[in-house]
Amino acid sequence: VFQHLQDIQKYVHIIAPKSEVELLKVYEVKD
């Protein structure tokens, strides 16, 4: 799961660095 999260983080970082934090927060809560 961590590997997948890292991949998403990289993808989001390229698309929108700001969304990265939001996405990470959502994943943290889900975890």
C-alpha atoms as a PDB file:
ATOM      1  CA  VAL A   1       0.000   0.000   0.000  1.00  0.00           C
ATOM      2  CA  PHE A   2       2.851   2.373   0.855  1.00  0.00           C
ATOM      3  CA  GLN A   3       4.370   1.850  -2.578  1.00  0.00           C
ATOM      4  CA  HIS A   4       1.066   2.726  -4.215  1.00  0.00           C
ATOM      5  CA  LEU A   5       0.700   5.789  -2.021  1.00  0.00           C
ATOM      6  CA  GLN A   6       4.182   6.950  -2.975  1.00  0.00           C
ATOM      7  CA  ASP A   7       3.315   6.543  -6.651  1.00  0.00           C
ATOM      8  CA  ILE A   8       0.149   8.601  -6.204  1.00  0.00           C
ATOM      9  CA  GLN A   9       2.044  11.220  -4.221  1.00  0.00           C
ATOM     10  CA  LYS A  10       4.525  11.575  -7.080  1.00  0.00           C
ATOM     11  CA  TYR A  11       1.731  11.823  -9.620  1.00  0.00           C
ATOM     12  CA  VAL A  12      -0.154  14.414  -7.598  1.00  0.00           C
ATOM     13  CA  HIS A  13       3.036  16.364  -6.971  1.00  0.00           C
ATOM     14  CA  ILE A  14       3.435  16.772 -10.739  1.00  0.00           C
ATOM     15  CA  ILE A  15      -0.217  17.706 -11.249  1.00  0.00           C
ATOM     16  CA  ALA A  16      -0.830  19.871  -8.185  1.00  0.00           C
ATOM     17  CA  PRO A  17       1.601  20.102  -5.235  1.00  0.00           C
ATOM     18  CA  LYS A  18      -1.132  21.688  -3.108  1.00  0.00           C
ATOM     19  CA  SER A  19      -3.456  18.745  -3.660  1.00  0.00           C
ATOM     20  CA  GLU A  20      -0.661  16.468  -2.510  1.00  0.00           C
ATOM     21  CA  VAL A  21      -1.147  17.548   1.097  1.00  0.00           C
ATOM     22  CA  GLU A  22      -4.902  17.130   0.830  1.00  0.00           C
ATOM     23  CA  LEU A  23      -4.561  13.687  -0.724  1.00  0.00           C
ATOM     24  CA  LEU A  24      -2.058  12.643   1.917  1.00  0.00           C
ATOM     25  CA  LYS A  25      -4.432  13.795   4.656  1.00  0.00           C
ATOM     26  CA  VAL A  26      -7.297  11.816   3.179  1.00  0.00           C
ATOM     27  CA  TYR A  27      -5.126   8.712   2.885  1.00  0.00           C
ATOM     28  CA  GLU A  28      -3.888   9.165   6.438  1.00  0.00           C
ATOM     29  CA  VAL A  29      -7.455   9.228   7.735  1.00  0.00           C
ATOM     30  CA  LYS A  30      -8.354   6.215   5.596  1.00  0.00           C
ATOM     31  CA  ASP A  31      -5.357   4.321   6.908  1.00  0.00           C
END
